[in-house]
């Protein structure tokens, strides 16, 4: 007997690269809608597509798979689905499949993208009727609660090259998008660093003038200024050393400004599309995973 799901939904969230970010608000606070950070970054057209299948069942349960492999430690996804299951008025079984096209743990916003795409798919499949902002707020709450992100969800929810100008969840925090005029992203993922480890005990962002950087970017609205500030930020916290040093030098020797994605040993640049090949060649031979992609301007959405 073939068991047929009573509802199926697919949703996509782009990945995201943060160039610079201020000290986060107190992530132990209970008012998650106002938690987050300000900063600047861009969403990419690679990310996470999530499929949700809902089945009738005598008991409520779920399973999560990533790229076809069943997993038990998908912390943010577990948090999200369990929030939705609290609101369902009858037992059901939910099958969740994440298809991930970005490396995990390299500062490309995979936790936020998993949370967002899952929240959108669950809202649609379970016919919850939440607005886009409400659906994204659940994802933001999960990312904050699991200490896997600070402001990635609001950025990924709208896409584009953006400045996050005030803290908070989607619908509460504010951001401003900047026209990128046909730029491509060239990204070298060298070594993973879990975001949670940074949020718990690594760099101290307290004295970094992110507000002034955002004001500068609001005036210039230039990608090269964003890249220069991203490098300045990364350099200040020692992120341009070690494995990132040589790839950065290679890019700079050819005139490409660049930064280090937060949080991971990941070097990135944004270049006019006609210079993509040249920038890509600068990053060959350093190992890791080399990604060439476009900026995603739509943000998270049901497919």
C-alpha atoms as a PDB file:
ATOM      1  CA  UNK A   1       0.000   0.000   0.000  1.00  0.00           C
ATOM      2  CA  UNK A   2       1.361   3.389  -1.029  1.00  0.00           C
ATOM      3  CA  UNK A   3       0.968   6.068   1.625  1.00  0.00           C
ATOM      4  CA  UNK A   4       0.187   9.432   0.063  1.00  0.00           C
ATOM      5  CA  UNK A   5       0.885  12.694   1.888  1.00  0.00           C
ATOM      6  CA  UNK A   6      -2.098  14.916   2.611  1.00  0.00           C
ATOM      7  CA  UNK A   7      -0.017  18.028   1.902  1.00  0.00           C
ATOM      8  CA  UNK A   8       3.331  18.844   0.296  1.00  0.00           C
ATOM      9  CA  UNK A   9       5.192  22.152   0.133  1.00  0.00           C
ATOM     10  CA  UNK A  10       8.567  23.333  -1.138  1.00  0.00           C
ATOM     11  CA  UNK A  11      10.348  26.515  -0.084  1.00  0.00           C
ATOM     12  CA  UNK A  12      13.733  28.088  -0.770  1.00  0.00           C
ATOM     13  CA  UNK A  13      15.950  30.427   1.223  1.00  0.00           C
ATOM     14  CA  UNK A  14      19.126  31.976  -0.126  1.00  0.00           C
ATOM     15  CA  UNK A  15      22.395  31.778   1.726  1.00  0.00           C
ATOM     16  CA  UNK A  16      23.958  34.978   3.020  1.00  0.00           C
ATOM     17  CA  UNK A  17      27.390  36.534   3.542  1.00  0.00           C
ATOM     18  CA  UNK A  18      27.905  39.108   6.308  1.00  0.00           C
ATOM     19  CA  UNK A  19      30.731  41.592   5.697  1.00  0.00           C
ATOM     20  CA  UNK A  20      30.593  43.427   9.018  1.00  0.00           C
ATOM     21  CA  UNK A  21      28.340  43.330  12.052  1.00  0.00           C
ATOM     22  CA  UNK A  22      28.042  45.119  15.377  1.00  0.00           C
ATOM     23  CA  UNK A  23      27.976  43.599  18.837  1.00  0.00           C
ATOM     24  CA  UNK A  24      24.715  41.672  19.150  1.00  0.00           C
ATOM     25  CA  UNK A  25      22.031  42.519  21.635  1.00  0.00           C
ATOM     26  CA  UNK A  26      21.811  40.266  24.687  1.00  0.00           C
ATOM     27  CA  UNK A  27      20.871  36.898  23.205  1.00  0.00           C
ATOM     28  CA  UNK A  28      19.752  35.690  26.628  1.00  0.00           C
ATOM     29  CA  UNK A  29      16.846  38.162  26.565  1.00  0.00           C
ATOM     30  CA  UNK A  30      13.368  36.662  26.231  1.00  0.00           C
ATOM     31  CA  UNK A  31      12.065  39.304  23.810  1.00  0.00           C
ATOM     32  CA  UNK A  32      13.415  37.676  20.664  1.00  0.00           C
ATOM     33  CA  UNK A  33      11.531  40.015  18.310  1.00  0.00           C
ATOM     34  CA  UNK A  34      13.942  42.791  19.257  1.00  0.00           C
ATOM     35  CA  UNK A  35      17.111  40.709  19.321  1.00  0.00           C
ATOM     36  CA  UNK A  36      19.640  40.749  16.524  1.00  0.00           C
ATOM     37  CA  UNK A  37      22.338  42.991  15.138  1.00  0.00           C
ATOM     38  CA  UNK A  38      23.070  45.681  12.603  1.00  0.00           C
ATOM     39  CA  UNK A  39      25.497  45.232   9.752  1.00  0.00           C
ATOM     40  CA  UNK A  40      25.793  44.723   6.010  1.00  0.00           C
ATOM     41  CA  UNK A  41      25.977  41.782   3.633  1.00  0.00           C
ATOM     42  CA  UNK A  42      24.367  40.092   0.661  1.00  0.00           C
ATOM     43  CA  UNK A  43      22.230  37.060  -0.147  1.00  0.00           C
ATOM     44  CA  UNK A  44      23.371  34.552  -2.759  1.00  0.00           C
ATOM     45  CA  UNK A  45      21.368  32.475  -5.216  1.00  0.00           C
ATOM     46  CA  UNK A  46      22.572  29.258  -3.621  1.00  0.00           C
ATOM     47  CA  UNK A  47      20.988  28.145  -0.395  1.00  0.00           C
ATOM     48  CA  UNK A  48      18.562  25.590   0.961  1.00  0.00           C
ATOM     49  CA  UNK A  49      15.423  24.133  -0.598  1.00  0.00           C
ATOM     50  CA  UNK A  50      13.166  22.387   1.901  1.00  0.00           C
ATOM     51  CA  UNK A  51      10.372  19.941   1.121  1.00  0.00           C
ATOM     52  CA  UNK A  52       7.723  19.202   3.738  1.00  0.00           C
ATOM     53  CA  UNK A  53       5.379  16.220   3.422  1.00  0.00           C
ATOM     54  CA  UNK A  54       2.510  15.891   5.889  1.00  0.00           C
ATOM     55  CA  UNK A  55       0.876  12.507   6.540  1.00  0.00           C
ATOM     56  CA  UNK A  56      -2.111  11.409   8.584  1.00  0.00           C
ATOM     57  CA  UNK A  57      -0.908   9.522  11.661  1.00  0.00           C
ATOM     58  CA  UNK A  58      -2.173   8.125  14.941  1.00  0.00           C
ATOM     59  CA  UNK A  59       0.693   9.904  16.751  1.00  0.00           C
ATOM     60  CA  UNK A  60       2.645  13.074  16.097  1.00  0.00           C
ATOM     61  CA  UNK A  61       6.226  12.685  14.919  1.00  0.00           C
ATOM     62  CA  UNK A  62       8.685  13.902  12.319  1.00  0.00           C
ATOM     63  CA  UNK A  63      11.972  13.097  10.637  1.00  0.00           C
ATOM     64  CA  UNK A  64      14.595  15.341   9.063  1.00  0.00           C
ATOM     65  CA  UNK A  65      16.929  14.496   6.186  1.00  0.00           C
ATOM     66  CA  UNK A  66      19.739  16.529   4.665  1.00  0.00           C
ATOM     67  CA  UNK A  67      20.608  15.760   1.055  1.00  0.00           C
ATOM     68  CA  UNK A  68      18.920  12.360   1.388  1.00  0.00           C
ATOM     69  CA  UNK A  69      20.536  11.338   4.693  1.00  0.00           C
ATOM     70  CA  UNK A  70      18.412  11.136   7.814  1.00  0.00           C
ATOM     71  CA  UNK A  71      19.841  13.238  10.673  1.00  0.00           C
ATOM     72  CA  UNK A  72      19.149  13.665  14.364  1.00  0.00           C
ATOM     73  CA  UNK A  73      21.241  16.734  15.176  1.00  0.00           C
ATOM     74  CA  UNK A  74      19.622  19.403  12.991  1.00  0.00           C
ATOM     75  CA  UNK A  75      19.117  21.678  15.993  1.00  0.00           C
ATOM     76  CA  UNK A  76      17.451  24.665  14.329  1.00  0.00           C
ATOM     77  CA  UNK A  77      15.180  22.537  12.131  1.00  0.00           C
ATOM     78  CA  UNK A  78      14.053  20.540  15.170  1.00  0.00           C
ATOM     79  CA  UNK A  79      13.285  23.745  17.021  1.00  0.00           C
ATOM     80  CA  UNK A  80      11.204  25.107  14.117  1.00  0.00           C
ATOM     81  CA  UNK A  81       9.125  21.985  13.463  1.00  0.00           C
ATOM     82  CA  UNK A  82       8.406  21.519  17.155  1.00  0.00           C
ATOM     83  CA  UNK A  83       7.038  25.074  17.358  1.00  0.00           C
ATOM     84  CA  UNK A  84       4.641  24.331  14.508  1.00  0.00           C
ATOM     85  CA  UNK A  85       3.598  20.975  15.959  1.00  0.00           C
ATOM     86  CA  UNK A  86       2.448  22.771  19.113  1.00  0.00           C
ATOM     87  CA  UNK A  87      -0.114  24.568  16.959  1.00  0.00           C
ATOM     88  CA  UNK A  88      -1.455  21.575  15.001  1.00  0.00           C
ATOM     89  CA  UNK A  89      -4.856  20.362  16.250  1.00  0.00           C
ATOM     90  CA  UNK A  90      -4.568  16.720  15.173  1.00  0.00           C
ATOM     91  CA  UNK A  91      -1.785  14.099  15.067  1.00  0.00           C
ATOM     92  CA  UNK A  92       0.375  14.026  11.967  1.00  0.00           C
ATOM     93  CA  UNK A  93       3.700  12.768  10.705  1.00  0.00           C
ATOM     94  CA  UNK A  94       5.988  15.266   8.966  1.00  0.00           C
ATOM     95  CA  UNK A  95       8.813  14.318   6.625  1.00  0.00           C
ATOM     96  CA  UNK A  96      11.352  17.111   6.119  1.00  0.00           C
ATOM     97  CA  UNK A  97      14.003  17.078   3.403  1.00  0.00           C
ATOM     98  CA  UNK A  98      16.633  19.822   3.204  1.00  0.00           C
ATOM     99  CA  UNK A  99      18.523  20.039  -0.078  1.00  0.00           C
ATOM    100  CA  UNK A 100      21.587  22.150   0.645  1.00  0.00           C
ATOM    101  CA  UNK A 101      23.693  23.756  -2.087  1.00  0.00           C
ATOM    102  CA  UNK A 102      26.047  25.715   0.207  1.00  0.00           C
ATOM    103  CA  UNK A 103      28.776  24.418   2.522  1.00  0.00           C
ATOM    104  CA  UNK A 104      27.684  24.269   6.171  1.00  0.00           C
ATOM    105  CA  UNK A 105      29.716  26.120   8.808  1.00  0.00           C
ATOM    106  CA  UNK A 106      31.528  28.508   6.477  1.00  0.00           C
ATOM    107  CA  UNK A 107      29.658  31.737   7.205  1.00  0.00           C
ATOM    108  CA  UNK A 108      27.114  31.374   4.404  1.00  0.00           C
ATOM    109  CA  UNK A 109      23.996  31.548   6.564  1.00  0.00           C
ATOM    110  CA  UNK A 110      23.003  27.887   6.326  1.00  0.00           C
ATOM    111  CA  UNK A 111      21.281  27.803   9.728  1.00  0.00           C
ATOM    112  CA  UNK A 112      19.127  30.801   8.907  1.00  0.00           C
ATOM    113  CA  UNK A 113      18.342  29.418   5.455  1.00  0.00           C
ATOM    114  CA  UNK A 114      17.295  26.060   6.930  1.00  0.00           C
ATOM    115  CA  UNK A 115      15.073  27.789   9.481  1.00  0.00           C
ATOM    116  CA  UNK A 116      13.482  30.107   6.915  1.00  0.00           C
ATOM    117  CA  UNK A 117      12.832  27.554   4.188  1.00  0.00           C
ATOM    118  CA  UNK A 118      11.406  25.112   6.732  1.00  0.00           C
ATOM    119  CA  UNK A 119       9.176  27.725   8.340  1.00  0.00           C
ATOM    120  CA  UNK A 120       7.791  28.814   4.957  1.00  0.00           C
ATOM    121  CA  UNK A 121       7.184  25.209   3.876  1.00  0.00           C
ATOM    122  CA  UNK A 122       5.501  24.255   7.181  1.00  0.00           C
ATOM    123  CA  UNK A 123       3.282  27.328   7.168  1.00  0.00           C
ATOM    124  CA  UNK A 124       2.150  26.453   3.653  1.00  0.00           C
ATOM    125  CA  UNK A 125       1.766  22.667   4.083  1.00  0.00           C
ATOM    126  CA  UNK A 126      -0.044  22.927   7.429  1.00  0.00           C
ATOM    127  CA  UNK A 127      -2.183  25.828   6.184  1.00  0.00           C
ATOM    128  CA  UNK A 128      -1.335  27.887   9.264  1.00  0.00           C
ATOM    129  CA  UNK A 129      -2.163  31.208   7.633  1.00  0.00           C
ATOM    130  CA  UNK A 130       0.808  33.152   9.011  1.00  0.00           C
ATOM    131  CA  UNK A 131       1.953  36.237   7.111  1.00  0.00           C
ATOM    132  CA  UNK A 132       5.410  36.357   5.532  1.00  0.00           C
ATOM    133  CA  UNK A 133       6.736  38.347   8.481  1.00  0.00           C
ATOM    134  CA  UNK A 134       5.164  36.046  11.066  1.00  0.00           C
ATOM    135  CA  UNK A 135       6.590  32.996   9.311  1.00  0.00           C
ATOM    136  CA  UNK A 136      10.047  34.577   9.145  1.00  0.00           C
ATOM    137  CA  UNK A 137       9.797  35.643  12.802  1.00  0.00           C
ATOM    138  CA  UNK A 138       9.501  31.997  13.829  1.00  0.00           C
ATOM    139  CA  UNK A 139      12.680  31.269  11.869  1.00  0.00           C
ATOM    140  CA  UNK A 140      14.418  34.258  13.468  1.00  0.00           C
ATOM    141  CA  UNK A 141      13.375  33.066  16.924  1.00  0.00           C
ATOM    142  CA  UNK A 142      14.808  29.604  16.224  1.00  0.00           C
ATOM    143  CA  UNK A 143      18.107  30.990  14.938  1.00  0.00           C
ATOM    144  CA  UNK A 144      18.451  33.202  18.017  1.00  0.00           C
ATOM    145  CA  UNK A 145      17.333  30.495  20.479  1.00  0.00           C
ATOM    146  CA  UNK A 146      19.848  27.992  19.068  1.00  0.00           C
ATOM    147  CA  UNK A 147      22.605  30.655  18.994  1.00  0.00           C
ATOM    148  CA  UNK A 148      23.311  29.986  15.341  1.00  0.00           C
ATOM    149  CA  UNK A 149      22.650  33.483  14.012  1.00  0.00           C
ATOM    150  CA  UNK A 150      22.230  37.162  14.860  1.00  0.00           C
ATOM    151  CA  UNK A 151      20.537  38.839  11.922  1.00  0.00           C
ATOM    152  CA  UNK A 152      20.868  36.474   9.010  1.00  0.00           C
ATOM    153  CA  UNK A 153      17.168  35.592   8.862  1.00  0.00           C
ATOM    154  CA  UNK A 154      15.919  39.131   8.267  1.00  0.00           C
ATOM    155  CA  UNK A 155      18.515  39.544   5.497  1.00  0.00           C
ATOM    156  CA  UNK A 156      17.706  36.210   3.839  1.00  0.00           C
ATOM    157  CA  UNK A 157      13.979  36.894   4.078  1.00  0.00           C
ATOM    158  CA  UNK A 158      14.247  39.834   1.660  1.00  0.00           C
ATOM    159  CA  UNK A 159      17.449  39.031  -0.265  1.00  0.00           C
ATOM    160  CA  UNK A 160      19.731  41.426  -2.115  1.00  0.00           C
ATOM    161  CA  UNK A 161      22.744  43.467  -1.066  1.00  0.00           C
ATOM    162  CA  UNK A 162      21.580  45.032   2.178  1.00  0.00           C
ATOM    163  CA  UNK A 163      22.311  47.139   5.215  1.00  0.00           C
ATOM    164  CA  UNK A 164      20.591  46.050   8.421  1.00  0.00           C
ATOM    165  CA  UNK A 165      19.926  49.440   9.984  1.00  0.00           C
ATOM    166  CA  UNK A 166      18.063  48.499  13.161  1.00  0.00           C
ATOM    167  CA  UNK A 167      17.905  45.334  15.223  1.00  0.00           C
ATOM    168  CA  UNK A 168      15.088  42.849  15.350  1.00  0.00           C
ATOM    169  CA  UNK A 169      13.149  40.112  13.620  1.00  0.00           C
ATOM    170  CA  UNK A 170      11.526  40.515  10.186  1.00  0.00           C
ATOM    171  CA  UNK A 171       8.765  43.084  10.541  1.00  0.00           C
ATOM    172  CA  UNK A 172      10.547  44.679  13.522  1.00  0.00           C
ATOM    173  CA  UNK A 173      14.120  45.296  12.445  1.00  0.00           C
ATOM    174  CA  UNK A 174      14.782  47.449   9.401  1.00  0.00           C
ATOM    175  CA  UNK A 175      17.083  47.094   6.446  1.00  0.00           C
ATOM    176  CA  UNK A 176      17.871  48.961   3.276  1.00  0.00           C
ATOM    177  CA  UNK A 177      18.669  47.289  -0.041  1.00  0.00           C
ATOM    178  CA  UNK A 178      21.271  48.676  -2.436  1.00  0.00           C
ATOM    179  CA  UNK A 179      21.231  48.121  -6.202  1.00  0.00           C
ATOM    180  CA  UNK A 180      24.231  45.941  -7.067  1.00  0.00           C
ATOM    181  CA  UNK A 181      24.270  46.615 -10.840  1.00  0.00           C
ATOM    182  CA  UNK A 182      25.113  43.179 -12.213  1.00  0.00           C
ATOM    183  CA  UNK A 183      27.703  41.964  -9.705  1.00  0.00           C
ATOM    184  CA  UNK A 184      28.641  38.336  -9.047  1.00  0.00           C
ATOM    185  CA  UNK A 185      29.981  36.767  -5.857  1.00  0.00           C
ATOM    186  CA  UNK A 186      33.214  34.760  -5.823  1.00  0.00           C
ATOM    187  CA  UNK A 187      33.650  32.866  -2.560  1.00  0.00           C
ATOM    188  CA  UNK A 188      36.372  30.521  -1.302  1.00  0.00           C
ATOM    189  CA  UNK A 189      35.279  28.351   1.643  1.00  0.00           C
ATOM    190  CA  UNK A 190      38.471  27.190   3.352  1.00  0.00           C
ATOM    191  CA  UNK A 191      37.626  25.944   6.865  1.00  0.00           C
ATOM    192  CA  UNK A 192      34.373  25.798   8.839  1.00  0.00           C
ATOM    193  CA  UNK A 193      33.849  27.593  12.147  1.00  0.00           C
ATOM    194  CA  UNK A 194      30.519  27.055  13.975  1.00  0.00           C
ATOM    195  CA  UNK A 195      28.712  30.349  14.525  1.00  0.00           C
ATOM    196  CA  UNK A 196      27.753  29.241  18.039  1.00  0.00           C
ATOM    197  CA  UNK A 197      31.400  29.095  19.076  1.00  0.00           C
ATOM    198  CA  UNK A 198      31.884  32.704  18.014  1.00  0.00           C
ATOM    199  CA  UNK A 199      28.733  33.901  19.742  1.00  0.00           C
ATOM    200  CA  UNK A 200      29.700  32.091  22.921  1.00  0.00           C
ATOM    201  CA  UNK A 201      33.363  32.909  23.405  1.00  0.00           C
ATOM    202  CA  UNK A 202      35.231  34.499  20.514  1.00  0.00           C
ATOM    203  CA  UNK A 203      35.569  38.010  19.113  1.00  0.00           C
ATOM    204  CA  UNK A 204      34.506  41.061  21.096  1.00  0.00           C
ATOM    205  CA  UNK A 205      32.646  43.464  18.805  1.00  0.00           C
ATOM    206  CA  UNK A 206      31.874  45.983  21.532  1.00  0.00           C
ATOM    207  CA  UNK A 207      34.081  48.852  20.369  1.00  0.00           C
ATOM    208  CA  UNK A 208      33.810  48.536  16.613  1.00  0.00           C
ATOM    209  CA  UNK A 209      32.124  51.584  14.939  1.00  0.00           C
ATOM    210  CA  UNK A 210      29.551  49.740  12.827  1.00  0.00           C
ATOM    211  CA  UNK A 211      27.085  52.633  13.029  1.00  0.00           C
ATOM    212  CA  UNK A 212      29.617  54.933  11.357  1.00  0.00           C
ATOM    213  CA  UNK A 213      30.336  52.284   8.733  1.00  0.00           C
ATOM    214  CA  UNK A 214      26.637  51.988   7.934  1.00  0.00           C
ATOM    215  CA  UNK A 215      26.372  55.770   7.633  1.00  0.00           C
ATOM    216  CA  UNK A 216      29.302  55.770   5.200  1.00  0.00           C
ATOM    217  CA  UNK A 217      27.698  53.014   3.151  1.00  0.00           C
ATOM    218  CA  UNK A 218      24.329  54.800   3.108  1.00  0.00           C
ATOM    219  CA  UNK A 219      26.050  57.771   1.490  1.00  0.00           C
ATOM    220  CA  UNK A 220      28.264  55.972  -1.026  1.00  0.00           C
ATOM    221  CA  UNK A 221      26.055  52.930  -1.732  1.00  0.00           C
ATOM    222  CA  UNK A 222      29.067  51.365  -3.453  1.00  0.00           C
ATOM    223  CA  UNK A 223      30.000  47.694  -3.330  1.00  0.00           C
ATOM    224  CA  UNK A 224      33.724  48.506  -3.298  1.00  0.00           C
ATOM    225  CA  UNK A 225      33.227  50.603  -0.158  1.00  0.00           C
ATOM    226  CA  UNK A 226      31.386  47.685   1.428  1.00  0.00           C
ATOM    227  CA  UNK A 227      34.293  45.375   0.544  1.00  0.00           C
ATOM    228  CA  UNK A 228      36.879  47.807   1.932  1.00  0.00           C
ATOM    229  CA  UNK A 229      34.936  48.099   5.193  1.00  0.00           C
ATOM    230  CA  UNK A 230      34.494  44.330   5.344  1.00  0.00           C
ATOM    231  CA  UNK A 231      38.242  43.846   5.011  1.00  0.00           C
ATOM    232  CA  UNK A 232      38.920  46.523   7.644  1.00  0.00           C
ATOM    233  CA  UNK A 233      36.509  44.766   9.980  1.00  0.00           C
ATOM    234  CA  UNK A 234      38.023  41.330   9.327  1.00  0.00           C
ATOM    235  CA  UNK A 235      41.577  42.636   9.711  1.00  0.00           C
ATOM    236  CA  UNK A 236      40.772  44.280  13.043  1.00  0.00           C
ATOM    237  CA  UNK A 237      39.681  40.953  14.508  1.00  0.00           C
ATOM    238  CA  UNK A 238      42.550  38.928  13.071  1.00  0.00           C
ATOM    239  CA  UNK A 239      40.369  37.080  10.565  1.00  0.00           C
ATOM    240  CA  UNK A 240      42.613  37.884   7.588  1.00  0.00           C
ATOM    241  CA  UNK A 241      45.505  35.823   8.956  1.00  0.00           C
ATOM    242  CA  UNK A 242      46.199  32.102   8.681  1.00  0.00           C
ATOM    243  CA  UNK A 243      44.537  30.258   5.830  1.00  0.00           C
ATOM    244  CA  UNK A 244      42.787  33.397   4.572  1.00  0.00           C
ATOM    245  CA  UNK A 245      45.997  35.431   4.149  1.00  0.00           C
ATOM    246  CA  UNK A 246      47.254  34.076   0.815  1.00  0.00           C
ATOM    247  CA  UNK A 247      43.882  34.059  -0.997  1.00  0.00           C
ATOM    248  CA  UNK A 248      43.323  37.657   0.127  1.00  0.00           C
ATOM    249  CA  UNK A 249      46.777  38.666  -1.127  1.00  0.00           C
ATOM    250  CA  UNK A 250      46.073  36.971  -4.456  1.00  0.00           C
ATOM    251  CA  UNK A 251      42.834  38.918  -4.925  1.00  0.00           C
ATOM    252  CA  UNK A 252      44.373  42.222  -3.836  1.00  0.00           C
ATOM    253  CA  UNK A 253      47.333  41.758  -6.182  1.00  0.00           C
ATOM    254  CA  UNK A 254      44.826  41.856  -9.069  1.00  0.00           C
ATOM    255  CA  UNK A 255      42.938  44.853  -7.699  1.00  0.00           C
ATOM    256  CA  UNK A 256      40.018  43.021  -6.090  1.00  0.00           C
ATOM    257  CA  UNK A 257      38.838  44.208  -2.686  1.00  0.00           C
ATOM    258  CA  UNK A 258      37.556  41.403  -0.468  1.00  0.00           C
ATOM    259  CA  UNK A 259      36.551  40.375   3.030  1.00  0.00           C
ATOM    260  CA  UNK A 260      36.184  37.346   5.280  1.00  0.00           C
ATOM    261  CA  UNK A 261      32.669  35.977   5.794  1.00  0.00           C
ATOM    262  CA  UNK A 262      31.346  35.940   9.354  1.00  0.00           C
ATOM    263  CA  UNK A 263      31.670  33.396  10.712  1.00  0.00           C
ATOM    264  CA  UNK A 264      34.081  31.060   8.950  1.00  0.00           C
ATOM    265  CA  UNK A 265      37.442  30.969   7.213  1.00  0.00           C
ATOM    266  CA  UNK A 266      35.804  32.065   3.985  1.00  0.00           C
ATOM    267  CA  UNK A 267      37.204  34.734   1.649  1.00  0.00           C
ATOM    268  CA  UNK A 268      34.704  36.559  -0.546  1.00  0.00           C
ATOM    269  CA  UNK A 269      34.557  39.319  -3.108  1.00  0.00           C
ATOM    270  CA  UNK A 270      31.916  40.909  -5.306  1.00  0.00           C
ATOM    271  CA  UNK A 271      32.927  41.775  -8.856  1.00  0.00           C
ATOM    272  CA  UNK A 272      31.254  42.976 -12.052  1.00  0.00           C
ATOM    273  CA  UNK A 273      30.071  39.871 -13.903  1.00  0.00           C
ATOM    274  CA  UNK A 274      32.585  40.427 -16.713  1.00  0.00           C
ATOM    275  CA  UNK A 275      35.448  40.060 -14.189  1.00  0.00           C
ATOM    276  CA  UNK A 276      34.171  36.844 -12.617  1.00  0.00           C
ATOM    277  CA  UNK A 277      36.632  34.605 -14.433  1.00  0.00           C
ATOM    278  CA  UNK A 278      39.624  36.723 -13.398  1.00  0.00           C
ATOM    279  CA  UNK A 279      38.581  36.774  -9.725  1.00  0.00           C
ATOM    280  CA  UNK A 280      37.933  33.045  -9.801  1.00  0.00           C
ATOM    281  CA  UNK A 281      41.437  32.396 -11.143  1.00  0.00           C
ATOM    282  CA  UNK A 282      42.893  34.376  -8.222  1.00  0.00           C
ATOM    283  CA  UNK A 283      41.416  31.858  -5.791  1.00  0.00           C
ATOM    284  CA  UNK A 284      42.451  28.665  -7.515  1.00  0.00           C
ATOM    285  CA  UNK A 285      45.072  26.477  -5.887  1.00  0.00           C
ATOM    286  CA  UNK A 286      44.255  27.290  -2.256  1.00  0.00           C
ATOM    287  CA  UNK A 287      42.100  24.231  -1.596  1.00  0.00           C
ATOM    288  CA  UNK A 288      38.640  24.488  -0.117  1.00  0.00           C
ATOM    289  CA  UNK A 289      35.416  24.952  -2.075  1.00  0.00           C
ATOM    290  CA  UNK A 290      35.243  27.698  -4.685  1.00  0.00           C
ATOM    291  CA  UNK A 291      31.773  29.122  -5.363  1.00  0.00           C
ATOM    292  CA  UNK A 292      30.783  31.538  -8.125  1.00  0.00           C
ATOM    293  CA  UNK A 293      27.189  32.704  -7.920  1.00  0.00           C
ATOM    294  CA  UNK A 294      24.846  35.656  -8.261  1.00  0.00           C
ATOM    295  CA  UNK A 295      23.131  37.836  -5.696  1.00  0.00           C
ATOM    296  CA  UNK A 296      19.612  36.633  -4.857  1.00  0.00           C
ATOM    297  CA  UNK A 297      17.193  39.568  -4.859  1.00  0.00           C
ATOM    298  CA  UNK A 298      13.943  37.746  -4.027  1.00  0.00           C
ATOM    299  CA  UNK A 299      14.667  36.362  -0.588  1.00  0.00           C
ATOM    300  CA  UNK A 300      13.021  33.304   0.970  1.00  0.00           C
ATOM    301  CA  UNK A 301       9.857  32.066  -0.760  1.00  0.00           C
ATOM    302  CA  UNK A 302       7.485  29.181  -1.263  1.00  0.00           C
ATOM    303  CA  UNK A 303       8.179  27.511  -4.604  1.00  0.00           C
END
